[in-house]
Amino acid sequence: MVAQYFAQIDDNNVVTRVAVVQQEFLEANPERYTGTWVETFFDTAGKQYAGIGMEYLPSTKNFRPQQPFASWTWANNTWNPPTPMPNGAGWVWNEAELEWVAL
């Protein structure tokens, strides 16, 4: 059998639990796997493996991490800051000033 991965999501499409379980077993045990479960994929190109706190996007059947800062926007399957990070290591985002700050 090939391993299958499922994420339990709440009414806001937020992942509350992740399990390795065959779909047939999940469906045959509704008392054990209550609520809404959607499949997530491990090592599949273009798919983000679900983690607790991530959001499920029904339109793409994919998951995205929590928004790191209020000013960042979601595009091309990643969170993007209002301005690109400068080249090189050692930069952190300052949300209050909406700018990158060198460490």
PDB file of N, CA and C in Angstrom:
ATOM      1  N   MET A   1       0.821  -1.192   0.000  1.00  0.00           N
ATOM      2  CA  MET A   1       0.000   0.000   0.000  1.00  0.00           C
ATOM      3  C   MET A   1       0.866   1.258   0.000  1.00  0.00           C
ATOM      4  N   VAL A   2       0.402   2.226  -0.715  1.00  0.00           N
ATOM      5  CA  VAL A   2       1.085   3.518  -0.756  1.00  0.00           C
ATOM      6  C   VAL A   2       0.524   4.387   0.365  1.00  0.00           C
ATOM      7  N   ALA A   3       1.413   5.055   1.063  1.00  0.00           N
ATOM      8  CA  ALA A   3       0.979   5.932   2.163  1.00  0.00           C
ATOM      9  C   ALA A   3       0.173   7.097   1.606  1.00  0.00           C
ATOM     10  N   GLN A   4      -0.887   7.450   2.320  1.00  0.00           N
ATOM     11  CA  GLN A   4      -1.685   8.619   1.985  1.00  0.00           C
ATOM     12  C   GLN A   4      -1.682   9.542   3.194  1.00  0.00           C
ATOM     13  N   TYR A   5      -1.771  10.825   2.920  1.00  0.00           N
ATOM     14  CA  TYR A   5      -1.714  11.839   3.973  1.00  0.00           C
ATOM     15  C   TYR A   5      -2.973  12.693   3.888  1.00  0.00           C
ATOM     16  N   PHE A   6      -3.582  12.934   5.037  1.00  0.00           N
ATOM     17  CA  PHE A   6      -4.803  13.736   5.090  1.00  0.00           C
ATOM     18  C   PHE A   6      -4.698  14.785   6.185  1.00  0.00           C
ATOM     19  N   ALA A   7      -5.325  15.918   5.917  1.00  0.00           N
ATOM     20  CA  ALA A   7      -5.359  17.014   6.879  1.00  0.00           C
ATOM     21  C   ALA A   7      -6.800  17.272   7.281  1.00  0.00           C
ATOM     22  N   GLN A   8      -7.020  17.396   8.577  1.00  0.00           N
ATOM     23  CA  GLN A   8      -8.336  17.771   9.085  1.00  0.00           C
ATOM     24  C   GLN A   8      -8.388  19.296   9.100  1.00  0.00           C
ATOM     25  N   ILE A   9      -9.457  19.859   8.533  1.00  0.00           N
ATOM     26  CA  ILE A   9      -9.589  21.313   8.505  1.00  0.00           C
ATOM     27  C   ILE A   9     -10.848  21.732   9.248  1.00  0.00           C
ATOM     28  N   ASP A  10     -10.786  22.920   9.845  1.00  0.00           N
ATOM     29  CA  ASP A  10     -11.943  23.435  10.572  1.00  0.00           C
ATOM     30  C   ASP A  10     -12.837  24.234   9.622  1.00  0.00           C
ATOM     31  N   ASP A  11     -13.844  24.902  10.160  1.00  0.00           N
ATOM     32  CA  ASP A  11     -14.795  25.652   9.334  1.00  0.00           C
ATOM     33  C   ASP A  11     -14.169  26.842   8.610  1.00  0.00           C
ATOM     34  N   ASN A  12     -12.966  27.250   9.038  1.00  0.00           N
ATOM     35  CA  ASN A  12     -12.244  28.355   8.390  1.00  0.00           C
ATOM     36  C   ASN A  12     -11.142  27.845   7.458  1.00  0.00           C
ATOM     37  N   ASN A  13     -11.155  26.551   7.172  1.00  0.00           N
ATOM     38  CA  ASN A  13     -10.160  25.898   6.313  1.00  0.00           C
ATOM     39  C   ASN A  13      -8.754  25.913   6.900  1.00  0.00           C
ATOM     40  N   VAL A  14      -8.651  25.957   8.220  1.00  0.00           N
ATOM     41  CA  VAL A  14      -7.356  25.918   8.895  1.00  0.00           C
ATOM     42  C   VAL A  14      -7.089  24.487   9.345  1.00  0.00           C
ATOM     43  N   VAL A  15      -5.882  24.013   9.096  1.00  0.00           N
ATOM     44  CA  VAL A  15      -5.505  22.645   9.445  1.00  0.00           C
ATOM     45  C   VAL A  15      -5.383  22.509  10.963  1.00  0.00           C
ATOM     46  N   THR A  16      -6.089  21.507  11.488  1.00  0.00           N
ATOM     47  CA  THR A  16      -6.055  21.243  12.924  1.00  0.00           C
ATOM     48  C   THR A  16      -5.338  19.934  13.259  1.00  0.00           C
ATOM     49  N   ARG A  17      -5.176  19.067  12.253  1.00  0.00           N
ATOM     50  CA  ARG A  17      -4.564  17.756  12.490  1.00  0.00           C
ATOM     51  C   ARG A  17      -4.114  17.180  11.153  1.00  0.00           C
ATOM     52  N   VAL A  18      -3.030  16.421  11.155  1.00  0.00           N
ATOM     53  CA  VAL A  18      -2.545  15.736   9.955  1.00  0.00           C
ATOM     54  C   VAL A  18      -2.344  14.267  10.306  1.00  0.00           C
ATOM     55  N   ALA A  19      -2.740  13.379   9.402  1.00  0.00           N
ATOM     56  CA  ALA A  19      -2.633  11.940   9.670  1.00  0.00           C
ATOM     57  C   ALA A  19      -2.153  11.194   8.430  1.00  0.00           C
ATOM     58  N   VAL A  20      -1.417  10.117   8.671  1.00  0.00           N
ATOM     59  CA  VAL A  20      -1.038   9.185   7.620  1.00  0.00           C
ATOM     60  C   VAL A  20      -2.029   8.035   7.734  1.00  0.00           C
ATOM     61  N   VAL A  21      -2.932   7.947   6.765  1.00  0.00           N
ATOM     62  CA  VAL A  21      -4.002   6.953   6.834  1.00  0.00           C
ATOM     63  C   VAL A  21      -4.532   6.701   5.425  1.00  0.00           C
ATOM     64  N   GLN A  22      -4.908   5.463   5.150  1.00  0.00           N
ATOM     65  CA  GLN A  22      -5.519   5.148   3.861  1.00  0.00           C
ATOM     66  C   GLN A  22      -6.920   5.748   3.806  1.00  0.00           C
ATOM     67  N   GLN A  23      -7.312   6.240   2.646  1.00  0.00           N
ATOM     68  CA  GLN A  23      -8.616   6.874   2.495  1.00  0.00           C
ATOM     69  C   GLN A  23      -9.746   5.922   2.889  1.00  0.00           C
ATOM     70  N   GLU A  24      -9.621   4.651   2.535  1.00  0.00           N
ATOM     71  CA  GLU A  24     -10.666   3.676   2.861  1.00  0.00           C
ATOM     72  C   GLU A  24     -10.826   3.543   4.381  1.00  0.00           C
ATOM     73  N   PHE A  25      -9.703   3.541   5.111  1.00  0.00           N
ATOM     74  CA  PHE A  25      -9.757   3.442   6.571  1.00  0.00           C
ATOM     75  C   PHE A  25     -10.366   4.699   7.169  1.00  0.00           C
ATOM     76  N   LEU A  26      -9.969   5.847   6.658  1.00  0.00           N
ATOM     77  CA  LEU A  26     -10.509   7.122   7.134  1.00  0.00           C
ATOM     78  C   LEU A  26     -12.034   7.137   6.978  1.00  0.00           C
ATOM     79  N   GLU A  27     -12.504   6.760   5.791  1.00  0.00           N
ATOM     80  CA  GLU A  27     -13.944   6.764   5.511  1.00  0.00           C
ATOM     81  C   GLU A  27     -14.691   5.701   6.310  1.00  0.00           C
ATOM     82  N   ALA A  28     -14.040   4.589   6.627  1.00  0.00           N
ATOM     83  CA  ALA A  28     -14.685   3.508   7.373  1.00  0.00           C
ATOM     84  C   ALA A  28     -14.733   3.767   8.877  1.00  0.00           C
ATOM     85  N   ASN A  29     -14.052   4.820   9.340  1.00  0.00           N
ATOM     86  CA  ASN A  29     -13.975   5.115  10.769  1.00  0.00           C
ATOM     87  C   ASN A  29     -14.333   6.570  11.070  1.00  0.00           C
ATOM     88  N   PRO A  30     -15.571   6.973  10.747  1.00  0.00           N
ATOM     89  CA  PRO A  30     -15.954   8.381  10.937  1.00  0.00           C
ATOM     90  C   PRO A  30     -15.953   8.813  12.404  1.00  0.00           C
ATOM     91  N   GLU A  31     -16.083   7.869  13.320  1.00  0.00           N
ATOM     92  CA  GLU A  31     -16.044   8.237  14.742  1.00  0.00           C
ATOM     93  C   GLU A  31     -14.619   8.594  15.181  1.00  0.00           C
ATOM     94  N   ARG A  32     -13.652   8.068  14.471  1.00  0.00           N
ATOM     95  CA  ARG A  32     -12.247   8.345  14.778  1.00  0.00           C
ATOM     96  C   ARG A  32     -11.725   9.555  13.990  1.00  0.00           C
ATOM     97  N   TYR A  33     -12.243   9.729  12.785  1.00  0.00           N
ATOM     98  CA  TYR A  33     -11.818  10.825  11.902  1.00  0.00           C
ATOM     99  C   TYR A  33     -13.016  11.732  11.644  1.00  0.00           C
ATOM    100  N   THR A  34     -13.356  12.497  12.648  1.00  0.00           N
ATOM    101  CA  THR A  34     -14.508  13.385  12.564  1.00  0.00           C
ATOM    102  C   THR A  34     -14.160  14.654  11.797  1.00  0.00           C
ATOM    103  N   GLY A  35     -15.179  15.336  11.321  1.00  0.00           N
ATOM    104  CA  GLY A  35     -14.968  16.604  10.634  1.00  0.00           C
ATOM    105  C   GLY A  35     -14.598  16.429   9.179  1.00  0.00           C
ATOM    106  N   THR A  36     -13.972  17.447   8.641  1.00  0.00           N
ATOM    107  CA  THR A  36     -13.618  17.474   7.221  1.00  0.00           C
ATOM    108  C   THR A  36     -12.142  17.137   7.048  1.00  0.00           C
ATOM    109  N   TRP A  37     -11.868  16.193   6.156  1.00  0.00           N
ATOM    110  CA  TRP A  37     -10.505  15.771   5.861  1.00  0.00           C
ATOM    111  C   TRP A  37     -10.237  15.943   4.377  1.00  0.00           C
ATOM    112  N   VAL A  38      -9.062  16.468   4.046  1.00  0.00           N
ATOM    113  CA  VAL A  38      -8.656  16.629   2.647  1.00  0.00           C
ATOM    114  C   VAL A  38      -7.264  16.034   2.488  1.00  0.00           C
ATOM    115  N   GLU A  39      -7.011  15.492   1.315  1.00  0.00           N
ATOM    116  CA  GLU A  39      -5.713  14.866   1.079  1.00  0.00           C
ATOM    117  C   GLU A  39      -4.629  15.927   0.913  1.00  0.00           C
ATOM    118  N   THR A  40      -3.465  15.623   1.444  1.00  0.00           N
ATOM    119  CA  THR A  40      -2.285  16.464   1.280  1.00  0.00           C
ATOM    120  C   THR A  40      -1.184  15.575   0.714  1.00  0.00           C
ATOM    121  N   PHE A  41      -0.224  16.174   0.055  1.00  0.00           N
ATOM    122  CA  PHE A  41       0.774  15.386  -0.659  1.00  0.00           C
ATOM    123  C   PHE A  41       2.180  15.714  -0.189  1.00  0.00           C
ATOM    124  N   PHE A  42       2.951  14.673   0.014  1.00  0.00           N
ATOM    125  CA  PHE A  42       4.336  14.767   0.464  1.00  0.00           C
ATOM    126  C   PHE A  42       5.225  14.515  -0.751  1.00  0.00           C
ATOM    127  N   ASP A  43       6.154  15.402  -1.023  1.00  0.00           N
ATOM    128  CA  ASP A  43       7.078  15.270  -2.155  1.00  0.00           C
ATOM    129  C   ASP A  43       6.371  15.230  -3.511  1.00  0.00           C
ATOM    130  N   THR A  44       5.369  16.075  -3.680  1.00  0.00           N
ATOM    131  CA  THR A  44       4.675  16.188  -4.957  1.00  0.00           C
ATOM    132  C   THR A  44       4.864  17.607  -5.468  1.00  0.00           C
ATOM    133  N   ALA A  45       5.418  17.728  -6.666  1.00  0.00           N
ATOM    134  CA  ALA A  45       5.699  19.048  -7.244  1.00  0.00           C
ATOM    135  C   ALA A  45       4.427  19.888  -7.305  1.00  0.00           C
ATOM    136  N   GLY A  46       4.546  21.126  -6.893  1.00  0.00           N
ATOM    137  CA  GLY A  46       3.428  22.056  -6.940  1.00  0.00           C
ATOM    138  C   GLY A  46       2.465  21.943  -5.775  1.00  0.00           C
ATOM    139  N   LYS A  47       2.719  21.027  -4.867  1.00  0.00           N
ATOM    140  CA  LYS A  47       1.846  20.849  -3.706  1.00  0.00           C
ATOM    141  C   LYS A  47       2.622  21.102  -2.428  1.00  0.00           C
ATOM    142  N   GLN A  48       1.980  21.779  -1.497  1.00  0.00           N
ATOM    143  CA  GLN A  48       2.552  22.074  -0.180  1.00  0.00           C
ATOM    144  C   GLN A  48       1.985  21.061   0.807  1.00  0.00           C
ATOM    145  N   TYR A  49       2.845  20.342   1.514  1.00  0.00           N
ATOM    146  CA  TYR A  49       2.386  19.396   2.525  1.00  0.00           C
ATOM    147  C   TYR A  49       1.757  20.171   3.675  1.00  0.00           C
ATOM    148  N   ALA A  50       0.603  19.738   4.121  1.00  0.00           N
ATOM    149  CA  ALA A  50      -0.139  20.435   5.177  1.00  0.00           C
ATOM    150  C   ALA A  50       0.564  20.357   6.519  1.00  0.00           C
ATOM    151  N   GLY A  51       0.414  21.402   7.294  1.00  0.00           N
ATOM    152  CA  GLY A  51       0.902  21.456   8.657  1.00  0.00           C
ATOM    153  C   GLY A  51      -0.143  22.152   9.516  1.00  0.00           C
ATOM    154  N   ILE A  52      -0.148  21.869  10.790  1.00  0.00           N
ATOM    155  CA  ILE A  52      -1.120  22.480  11.701  1.00  0.00           C
ATOM    156  C   ILE A  52      -0.991  23.995  11.634  1.00  0.00           C
ATOM    157  N   GLY A  53      -2.131  24.656  11.497  1.00  0.00           N
ATOM    158  CA  GLY A  53      -2.171  26.109  11.399  1.00  0.00           C
ATOM    159  C   GLY A  53      -2.158  26.630   9.980  1.00  0.00           C
ATOM    160  N   MET A  54      -1.834  25.776   9.012  1.00  0.00           N
ATOM    161  CA  MET A  54      -1.838  26.217   7.619  1.00  0.00           C
ATOM    162  C   MET A  54      -3.272  26.344   7.127  1.00  0.00           C
ATOM    163  N   GLU A  55      -3.462  27.070   6.045  1.00  0.00           N
ATOM    164  CA  GLU A  55      -4.794  27.266   5.467  1.00  0.00           C
ATOM    165  C   GLU A  55      -4.942  26.413   4.218  1.00  0.00           C
ATOM    166  N   TYR A  56      -6.084  25.749   4.093  1.00  0.00           N
ATOM    167  CA  TYR A  56      -6.404  24.970   2.909  1.00  0.00           C
ATOM    168  C   TYR A  56      -7.082  25.877   1.907  1.00  0.00           C
ATOM    169  N   LEU A  57      -6.621  25.842   0.662  1.00  0.00           N
ATOM    170  CA  LEU A  57      -7.189  26.653  -0.409  1.00  0.00           C
ATOM    171  C   LEU A  57      -7.974  25.733  -1.351  1.00  0.00           C
ATOM    172  N   PRO A  58      -9.298  25.679  -1.206  1.00  0.00           N
ATOM    173  CA  PRO A  58     -10.093  24.756  -2.020  1.00  0.00           C
ATOM    174  C   PRO A  58      -9.932  24.957  -3.526  1.00  0.00           C
ATOM    175  N   SER A  59      -9.722  26.196  -3.966  1.00  0.00           N
ATOM    176  CA  SER A  59      -9.623  26.463  -5.406  1.00  0.00           C
ATOM    177  C   SER A  59      -8.426  25.773  -6.050  1.00  0.00           C
ATOM    178  N   THR A  60      -7.348  25.599  -5.288  1.00  0.00           N
ATOM    179  CA  THR A  60      -6.148  24.943  -5.822  1.00  0.00           C
ATOM    180  C   THR A  60      -5.896  23.572  -5.187  1.00  0.00           C
ATOM    181  N   LYS A  61      -6.712  23.233  -4.190  1.00  0.00           N
ATOM    182  CA  LYS A  61      -6.530  21.992  -3.434  1.00  0.00           C
ATOM    183  C   LYS A  61      -5.105  21.913  -2.886  1.00  0.00           C
ATOM    184  N   ASN A  62      -4.669  23.038  -2.330  1.00  0.00           N
ATOM    185  CA  ASN A  62      -3.321  23.143  -1.802  1.00  0.00           C
ATOM    186  C   ASN A  62      -3.365  23.862  -0.459  1.00  0.00           C
ATOM    187  N   PHE A  63      -2.236  23.934   0.197  1.00  0.00           N
ATOM    188  CA  PHE A  63      -2.131  24.540   1.517  1.00  0.00           C
ATOM    189  C   PHE A  63      -1.126  25.679   1.474  1.00  0.00           C
ATOM    190  N   ARG A  64      -1.366  26.674   2.325  1.00  0.00           N
ATOM    191  CA  ARG A  64      -0.379  27.748   2.431  1.00  0.00           C
ATOM    192  C   ARG A  64      -0.094  28.014   3.900  1.00  0.00           C
ATOM    193  N   PRO A  65       1.166  28.417   4.176  1.00  0.00           N
ATOM    194  CA  PRO A  65       1.529  28.736   5.551  1.00  0.00           C
ATOM    195  C   PRO A  65       0.804  29.983   6.032  1.00  0.00           C
ATOM    196  N   GLN A  66       0.831  30.202   7.335  1.00  0.00           N
ATOM    197  CA  GLN A  66       0.220  31.402   7.892  1.00  0.00           C
ATOM    198  C   GLN A  66       0.933  32.631   7.346  1.00  0.00           C
ATOM    199  N   GLN A  67       0.185  33.696   7.189  1.00  0.00           N
ATOM    200  CA  GLN A  67       0.749  34.948   6.700  1.00  0.00           C
ATOM    201  C   GLN A  67       1.770  35.458   7.715  1.00  0.00           C
ATOM    202  N   PRO A  68       3.032  35.675   7.287  1.00  0.00           N
ATOM    203  CA  PRO A  68       4.063  36.070   8.252  1.00  0.00           C
ATOM    204  C   PRO A  68       3.879  37.481   8.799  1.00  0.00           C
ATOM    205  N   PHE A  69       3.382  38.393   7.977  1.00  0.00           N
ATOM    206  CA  PHE A  69       3.150  39.782   8.385  1.00  0.00           C
ATOM    207  C   PHE A  69       1.914  40.292   7.658  1.00  0.00           C
ATOM    208  N   ALA A  70       1.196  41.205   8.277  1.00  0.00           N
ATOM    209  CA  ALA A  70      -0.046  41.734   7.694  1.00  0.00           C
ATOM    210  C   ALA A  70       0.178  42.393   6.339  1.00  0.00           C
ATOM    211  N   SER A  71       1.346  42.950   6.107  1.00  0.00           N
ATOM    212  CA  SER A  71       1.612  43.675   4.859  1.00  0.00           C
ATOM    213  C   SER A  71       1.978  42.756   3.689  1.00  0.00           C
ATOM    214  N   TRP A  72       2.268  41.497   3.956  1.00  0.00           N
ATOM    215  CA  TRP A  72       2.686  40.588   2.904  1.00  0.00           C
ATOM    216  C   TRP A  72       1.473  40.053   2.146  1.00  0.00           C
ATOM    217  N   THR A  73       1.650  39.794   0.859  1.00  0.00           N
ATOM    218  CA  THR A  73       0.570  39.298   0.006  1.00  0.00           C
ATOM    219  C   THR A  73       0.933  37.939  -0.587  1.00  0.00           C
ATOM    220  N   TRP A  74      -0.098  37.172  -0.910  1.00  0.00           N
ATOM    221  CA  TRP A  74       0.077  35.828  -1.450  1.00  0.00           C
ATOM    222  C   TRP A  74       0.049  35.894  -2.974  1.00  0.00           C
ATOM    223  N   ALA A  75       1.102  35.419  -3.623  1.00  0.00           N
ATOM    224  CA  ALA A  75       1.164  35.330  -5.086  1.00  0.00           C
ATOM    225  C   ALA A  75       2.197  34.272  -5.461  1.00  0.00           C
ATOM    226  N   ASN A  76       1.918  33.552  -6.516  1.00  0.00           N
ATOM    227  CA  ASN A  76       2.844  32.524  -7.014  1.00  0.00           C
ATOM    228  C   ASN A  76       3.224  31.509  -5.943  1.00  0.00           C
ATOM    229  N   ASN A  77       2.239  31.124  -5.158  1.00  0.00           N
ATOM    230  CA  ASN A  77       2.419  30.108  -4.104  1.00  0.00           C
ATOM    231  C   ASN A  77       3.441  30.481  -3.046  1.00  0.00           C
ATOM    232  N   THR A  78       3.561  31.762  -2.752  1.00  0.00           N
ATOM    233  CA  THR A  78       4.466  32.202  -1.695  1.00  0.00           C
ATOM    234  C   THR A  78       4.005  33.538  -1.127  1.00  0.00           C
ATOM    235  N   TRP A  79       4.369  33.806   0.134  1.00  0.00           N
ATOM    236  CA  TRP A  79       4.089  35.104   0.742  1.00  0.00           C
ATOM    237  C   TRP A  79       5.180  36.078   0.306  1.00  0.00           C
ATOM    238  N   ASN A  80       4.777  37.257  -0.127  1.00  0.00           N
ATOM    239  CA  ASN A  80       5.706  38.247  -0.650  1.00  0.00           C
ATOM    240  C   ASN A  80       5.632  39.547   0.140  1.00  0.00           C
ATOM    241  N   PRO A  81       6.794  40.090   0.516  1.00  0.00           N
ATOM    242  CA  PRO A  81       6.809  41.369   1.230  1.00  0.00           C
ATOM    243  C   PRO A  81       6.496  42.517   0.266  1.00  0.00           C
ATOM    244  N   PRO A  82       6.130  43.680   0.795  1.00  0.00           N
ATOM    245  CA  PRO A  82       5.844  44.822  -0.070  1.00  0.00           C
ATOM    246  C   PRO A  82       7.047  45.250  -0.912  1.00  0.00           C
ATOM    247  N   THR A  83       8.259  45.048  -0.379  1.00  0.00           N
ATOM    248  CA  THR A  83       9.485  45.337  -1.129  1.00  0.00           C
ATOM    249  C   THR A  83      10.382  44.112  -1.059  1.00  0.00           C
ATOM    250  N   PRO A  84      11.069  43.798  -2.144  1.00  0.00           N
ATOM    251  CA  PRO A  84      11.934  42.616  -2.144  1.00  0.00           C
ATOM    252  C   PRO A  84      13.049  42.730  -1.111  1.00  0.00           C
ATOM    253  N   MET A  85      13.465  41.588  -0.592  1.00  0.00           N
ATOM    254  CA  MET A  85      14.568  41.564   0.361  1.00  0.00           C
ATOM    255  C   MET A  85      15.855  41.943  -0.375  1.00  0.00           C
ATOM    256  N   PRO A  86      16.695  42.787   0.213  1.00  0.00           N
ATOM    257  CA  PRO A  86      17.982  43.119  -0.405  1.00  0.00           C
ATOM    258  C   PRO A  86      18.849  41.866  -0.565  1.00  0.00           C
ATOM    259  N   ASN A  87      19.800  41.934  -1.457  1.00  0.00           N
ATOM    260  CA  ASN A  87      20.715  40.806  -1.676  1.00  0.00           C
ATOM    261  C   ASN A  87      21.559  40.554  -0.442  1.00  0.00           C
ATOM    262  N   GLY A  88      21.899  39.292  -0.260  1.00  0.00           N
ATOM    263  CA  GLY A  88      22.760  38.918   0.856  1.00  0.00           C
ATOM    264  C   GLY A  88      21.970  38.460   2.065  1.00  0.00           C
ATOM    265  N   ALA A  89      22.677  37.882   3.000  1.00  0.00           N
ATOM    266  CA  ALA A  89      22.056  37.374   4.220  1.00  0.00           C
ATOM    267  C   ALA A  89      22.030  38.460   5.288  1.00  0.00           C
ATOM    268  N   GLY A  90      21.279  38.218   6.332  1.00  0.00           N
ATOM    269  CA  GLY A  90      21.295  39.108   7.479  1.00  0.00           C
ATOM    270  C   GLY A  90      20.254  40.215   7.455  1.00  0.00           C
ATOM    271  N   TRP A  91      19.136  39.970   6.811  1.00  0.00           N
ATOM    272  CA  TRP A  91      18.060  40.966   6.778  1.00  0.00           C
ATOM    273  C   TRP A  91      16.841  40.427   7.508  1.00  0.00           C
ATOM    274  N   VAL A  92      16.148  41.273   8.229  1.00  0.00           N
ATOM    275  CA  VAL A  92      14.879  40.917   8.868  1.00  0.00           C
ATOM    276  C   VAL A  92      13.841  41.968   8.489  1.00  0.00           C
ATOM    277  N   TRP A  93      12.594  41.523   8.432  1.00  0.00           N
ATOM    278  CA  TRP A  93      11.508  42.415   8.064  1.00  0.00           C
ATOM    279  C   TRP A  93      11.022  43.194   9.285  1.00  0.00           C
ATOM    280  N   ASN A  94      10.912  44.516   9.158  1.00  0.00           N
ATOM    281  CA  ASN A  94      10.381  45.374  10.202  1.00  0.00           C
ATOM    282  C   ASN A  94       8.975  45.792   9.772  1.00  0.00           C
ATOM    283  N   GLU A  95       7.977  45.141  10.350  1.00  0.00           N
ATOM    284  CA  GLU A  95       6.589  45.395   9.953  1.00  0.00           C
ATOM    285  C   GLU A  95       6.143  46.809  10.310  1.00  0.00           C
ATOM    286  N   ALA A  96       6.624  47.342  11.413  1.00  0.00           N
ATOM    287  CA  ALA A  96       6.210  48.703  11.838  1.00  0.00           C
ATOM    288  C   ALA A  96       6.658  49.750  10.830  1.00  0.00           C
ATOM    289  N   GLU A  97       7.843  49.555  10.259  1.00  0.00           N
ATOM    290  CA  GLU A  97       8.387  50.529   9.298  1.00  0.00           C
ATOM    291  C   GLU A  97       8.210  50.080   7.838  1.00  0.00           C
ATOM    292  N   LEU A  98       7.721  48.844   7.662  1.00  0.00           N
ATOM    293  CA  LEU A  98       7.544  48.251   6.323  1.00  0.00           C
ATOM    294  C   LEU A  98       8.830  48.311   5.511  1.00  0.00           C
ATOM    295  N   GLU A  99       9.905  47.843   6.148  1.00  0.00           N
ATOM    296  CA  GLU A  99      11.194  47.839   5.469  1.00  0.00           C
ATOM    297  C   GLU A  99      12.090  46.722   5.985  1.00  0.00           C
ATOM    298  N   TRP A 100      13.108  46.395   5.213  1.00  0.00           N
ATOM    299  CA  TRP A 100      14.116  45.417   5.613  1.00  0.00           C
ATOM    300  C   TRP A 100      15.170  46.115   6.453  1.00  0.00           C
ATOM    301  N   VAL A 101      15.618  45.456   7.518  1.00  0.00           N
ATOM    302  CA  VAL A 101      16.620  46.008   8.405  1.00  0.00           C
ATOM    303  C   VAL A 101      17.774  45.018   8.491  1.00  0.00           C
ATOM    304  N   ALA A 102      18.991  45.531   8.356  1.00  0.00           N
ATOM    305  CA  ALA A 102      20.167  44.683   8.481  1.00  0.00           C
ATOM    306  C   ALA A 102      20.376  44.289   9.936  1.00  0.00           C
ATOM    307  N   LEU A 103      20.783  43.049  10.128  1.00  0.00           N
ATOM    308  CA  LEU A 103      21.077  42.582  11.490  1.00  0.00           C
ATOM    309  C   LEU A 103      22.396  43.126  11.977  1.00  0.00           C
TER     310      LEU A 103
END
